[in-house]
Amino acid sequence: MIQEIERKFIVDKLPDLSGLKGHSVLQGYIFTGEGGTEVRIRKWDEQYIMTIKSGGLLKRQETEIPLTKVQFQIFWPSTEGRRIEKTH
């Protein structure tokens, strides 16, 4: 289990990232609760992970559990309507 510290920054100018290769990320939320507790699954390139985050504003406990592709596919339908796709 790791501890995550949420940090946000305001930048004056976005850097030029056009020469970098991004990673495709599919993310779906199985559960989001009051206070910030969440359970999500993520496909990062060909890796599959379930993340459980405790509630909290600044500090949160985070547990990552590796999944197989089959396990990810079993959970994925339960994230309908709570999905994002991004390049990281």
Protein backbone atom coordinates (compact mmCIF):
# COMPACT_ATOMS: atom_id res chain seq x y z
CA MET A 1 0.00 0.00 0.00
CA ILE A 2 1.34 3.43 -0.88
CA GLN A 3 0.33 6.88 0.24
CA GLU A 4 -0.58 9.36 -2.46
CA ILE A 5 -0.32 13.10 -1.91
CA GLU A 6 -2.51 15.09 -4.28
CA ARG A 7 -0.72 18.12 -5.72
CA LYS A 8 -1.94 20.62 -8.27
CA PHE A 9 0.01 23.31 -10.04
CA ILE A 10 -0.85 26.32 -12.17
CA VAL A 11 1.49 26.83 -15.10
CA ASP A 12 1.94 29.93 -17.22
CA LYS A 13 2.57 28.05 -20.46
CA LEU A 14 2.07 24.44 -21.53
CA PRO A 15 5.23 22.67 -22.69
CA ASP A 16 5.54 21.36 -26.25
CA LEU A 17 4.95 17.62 -25.95
CA SER A 18 4.49 16.94 -29.66
CA GLY A 19 7.70 14.90 -29.92
CA LEU A 20 6.77 12.49 -27.13
CA LYS A 21 4.99 9.16 -27.44
CA GLY A 22 1.98 8.78 -25.19
CA HIS A 23 0.46 5.72 -23.57
CA SER A 24 -3.16 4.80 -24.21
CA VAL A 25 -5.14 4.55 -20.97
CA LEU A 26 -8.68 3.21 -20.52
CA GLN A 27 -10.07 3.84 -17.06
CA GLY A 28 -13.39 2.93 -15.51
CA TYR A 29 -14.77 3.54 -12.05
CA ILE A 30 -16.44 0.63 -10.27
CA PHE A 31 -17.21 2.67 -7.15
CA THR A 32 -16.90 6.29 -6.06
CA GLY A 33 -18.03 7.17 -2.58
CA GLU A 34 -18.42 10.19 -0.38
CA GLY A 35 -15.16 11.63 0.82
CA GLY A 36 -13.19 10.52 -2.23
CA THR A 37 -13.08 6.73 -1.77
CA GLU A 38 -12.86 5.03 -5.16
CA VAL A 39 -12.27 1.71 -6.86
CA ARG A 40 -11.19 1.89 -10.48
CA ILE A 41 -9.74 -0.36 -13.13
CA ARG A 42 -7.26 0.75 -15.72
CA LYS A 43 -5.78 -0.63 -18.92
CA TRP A 44 -2.42 1.03 -19.53
CA ASP A 45 -1.07 -0.19 -22.87
CA GLU A 46 -1.21 -3.96 -22.17
CA GLN A 47 -1.15 -3.78 -18.35
CA TYR A 48 -4.32 -4.16 -16.28
CA ILE A 49 -4.65 -2.74 -12.76
CA MET A 50 -7.33 -2.29 -10.11
CA THR A 51 -6.73 0.68 -7.80
CA ILE A 52 -8.42 1.22 -4.45
CA LYS A 53 -8.06 4.72 -3.00
CA SER A 54 -9.16 5.77 0.47
CA GLY A 55 -11.07 8.97 1.04
CA GLY A 56 -9.32 12.20 1.84
CA LEU A 57 -8.47 15.54 0.33
CA LEU A 58 -4.69 15.85 0.52
CA LYS A 59 -3.38 12.41 1.56
CA ARG A 60 -4.93 9.11 0.51
CA GLN A 61 -3.94 5.47 0.84
CA GLU A 62 -3.67 3.74 -2.51
CA THR A 63 -3.53 0.01 -3.21
CA GLU A 64 -2.85 -1.33 -6.70
CA ILE A 65 -3.73 -4.90 -7.63
CA PRO A 66 -2.52 -6.37 -10.94
CA LEU A 67 -5.28 -7.91 -13.06
CA THR A 68 -5.20 -10.29 -15.98
CA LYS A 69 -6.84 -9.26 -19.25
CA VAL A 70 -9.71 -11.67 -18.52
CA GLN A 71 -10.28 -10.18 -15.05
CA PHE A 72 -10.28 -6.68 -16.53
CA GLN A 73 -12.85 -7.75 -19.13
CA ILE A 74 -15.08 -9.20 -16.39
CA PHE A 75 -15.06 -5.92 -14.40
CA TRP A 76 -15.25 -3.55 -17.40
CA PRO A 77 -19.04 -3.77 -17.98
CA SER A 78 -19.66 -2.59 -14.38
CA THR A 79 -18.01 0.75 -15.24
CA GLU A 80 -20.58 1.69 -17.90
CA GLY A 81 -21.21 5.44 -17.77
CA ARG A 82 -18.14 6.06 -15.59
CA ARG A 83 -15.28 5.71 -18.08
CA ILE A 84 -12.54 7.88 -19.46
CA GLU A 85 -9.97 7.38 -22.18
CA LYS A 86 -6.77 9.39 -22.14
CA THR A 87 -3.20 9.53 -23.31
CA HIS A 88 -0.67 9.63 -20.52
